């Protein structure tokens, strides 16, 4: 299982750090990442990081968000800086067995991020 936390209400320009912790029968998660669902849109991929700590970002968060992880403890973070109202949404963490595909084998429950203008 994955447990996401850290969401909240902030003003535009402020920061939040999301956390995602894996527990239970997760034998071998290699790639971990974040997705989000913003109002009126389908769930979209935000960023992910593989077991070699290679990081990928969606264009709309590059330069503002930073993904990191502790591989051995299966904890992942998303540092979100300079938040914009359009970042408002539910953020989901995900984990995958493959190191070469966007993670989708395990999902967290989502944490709500609200950015006011």
Protein backbone atom coordinates (compact mmCIF):
# COMPACT_ATOMS: atom_id res chain seq x y z
CA UNK A 1 0.00 0.00 0.00
CA UNK A 2 0.97 3.61 -0.52
CA UNK A 3 -0.03 6.43 1.77
CA UNK A 4 0.10 10.01 0.49
CA UNK A 5 0.07 13.02 2.77
CA UNK A 6 1.03 16.68 2.91
CA UNK A 7 -1.71 18.36 0.95
CA UNK A 8 -3.35 21.53 2.15
CA UNK A 9 -4.49 25.04 1.34
CA UNK A 10 -1.87 27.58 0.34
CA UNK A 11 -1.73 30.86 -1.52
CA UNK A 12 -0.23 31.27 -4.97
CA UNK A 13 3.55 31.42 -4.81
CA UNK A 14 3.80 29.35 -1.66
CA UNK A 15 5.16 25.83 -1.25
CA UNK A 16 4.04 22.41 -0.09
CA UNK A 17 5.83 19.10 0.32
CA UNK A 18 3.93 15.92 -0.36
CA UNK A 19 5.04 12.58 1.05
CA UNK A 20 4.26 9.04 -0.01
CA UNK A 21 5.18 6.07 2.12
CA UNK A 22 5.01 2.46 1.06
CA UNK A 23 4.11 -0.33 3.45
CA UNK A 24 2.81 -3.87 3.52
CA UNK A 25 3.40 -6.41 0.76
CA UNK A 26 5.35 -4.17 -1.55
CA UNK A 27 8.18 -6.46 -2.49
CA UNK A 28 9.92 -4.55 -5.20
CA UNK A 29 8.81 -1.10 -6.21
CA UNK A 30 11.31 0.35 -8.63
CA UNK A 31 9.70 3.41 -10.10
CA UNK A 32 7.62 5.81 -8.02
CA UNK A 33 5.78 8.88 -9.11
CA UNK A 34 3.02 11.41 -8.75
CA UNK A 35 -0.12 12.03 -10.73
CA UNK A 36 -2.79 14.63 -10.24
CA UNK A 37 -6.39 15.19 -11.10
CA UNK A 38 -7.31 18.81 -11.48
CA UNK A 39 -10.89 20.07 -11.81
CA UNK A 40 -12.37 19.24 -15.20
CA UNK A 41 -9.38 17.23 -16.37
CA UNK A 42 -8.37 13.61 -16.46
CA UNK A 43 -5.66 12.30 -14.19
CA UNK A 44 -2.29 13.44 -15.49
CA UNK A 45 1.23 12.33 -14.83
CA UNK A 46 3.31 14.88 -12.89
CA UNK A 47 6.73 13.34 -12.22
CA UNK A 48 8.47 10.09 -11.44
CA UNK A 49 11.77 8.72 -10.26
CA UNK A 50 13.28 5.31 -10.86
CA UNK A 51 15.52 3.13 -8.72
CA UNK A 52 18.59 4.92 -10.08
CA UNK A 53 17.04 8.26 -9.06
CA UNK A 54 16.57 9.35 -12.65
CA UNK A 55 13.83 11.97 -12.51
CA UNK A 56 11.30 12.97 -15.12
CA UNK A 57 8.88 15.89 -14.97
CA UNK A 58 5.86 17.08 -16.85
CA UNK A 59 6.52 20.36 -18.63
CA UNK A 60 3.96 22.21 -16.52
CA UNK A 61 5.94 21.56 -13.30
CA UNK A 62 9.53 21.75 -14.52
CA UNK A 63 11.57 24.18 -12.49
CA UNK A 64 8.96 24.34 -9.73
CA UNK A 65 8.53 20.78 -8.45
CA UNK A 66 11.23 18.40 -7.27
CA UNK A 67 10.74 14.68 -6.76
CA UNK A 68 12.97 12.66 -4.46
CA UNK A 69 12.93 9.31 -2.72
CA UNK A 70 14.54 7.12 -0.13
CA UNK A 71 14.80 3.89 -2.05
CA UNK A 72 15.25 1.57 0.90
CA UNK A 73 12.42 2.94 3.02
CA UNK A 74 10.08 3.39 0.04
CA UNK A 75 9.36 7.01 0.97
CA UNK A 76 8.95 9.54 -1.80
CA UNK A 77 8.54 13.30 -1.71
CA UNK A 78 7.29 16.00 -4.02
CA UNK A 79 8.53 19.47 -3.16
CA UNK A 80 6.21 21.93 -4.83
CA UNK A 81 7.37 25.53 -5.03
CA UNK A 82 5.80 28.59 -6.61
CA UNK A 83 2.41 26.96 -6.61
CA UNK A 84 -0.22 28.29 -8.99
CA UNK A 85 -4.01 28.11 -8.79
CA UNK A 86 -3.96 25.69 -11.73
CA UNK A 87 -1.98 23.25 -9.56
CA UNK A 88 -5.11 22.75 -7.46
CA UNK A 89 -6.21 19.14 -7.46
CA UNK A 90 -5.89 15.74 -5.87
CA UNK A 91 -2.36 14.38 -6.00
CA UNK A 92 -1.85 10.63 -6.11
CA UNK A 93 1.35 8.73 -5.56
CA UNK A 94 2.02 5.56 -7.48
CA UNK A 95 4.56 2.80 -7.56
CA UNK A 96 5.56 0.37 -10.27
CA UNK A 97 7.57 -2.81 -10.61
CA UNK A 98 9.10 -1.65 -13.87
CA UNK A 99 11.90 0.84 -13.90
CA UNK A 100 11.08 1.75 -17.49
CA UNK A 101 7.43 2.72 -17.52
CA UNK A 102 5.30 5.25 -15.64
CA UNK A 103 4.35 3.67 -12.30
CA UNK A 104 0.87 2.22 -12.04
CA UNK A 105 0.98 -1.03 -10.04
CA UNK A 106 0.27 0.57 -6.67
CA UNK A 107 -1.71 3.70 -5.86
CA UNK A 108 -2.09 5.91 -2.84
CA UNK A 109 -5.43 7.38 -1.83
CA UNK A 110 -4.69 10.94 -2.92
CA UNK A 111 -4.06 14.15 -1.05
CA UNK A 112 -5.82 17.42 -1.85
CA UNK A 113 -3.82 20.50 -2.80
CA UNK A 114 -5.67 23.78 -3.02
CA UNK A 115 -3.93 26.92 -4.23
CA UNK A 116 -5.78 30.19 -3.85
CA UNK A 117 -5.05 33.25 -5.97
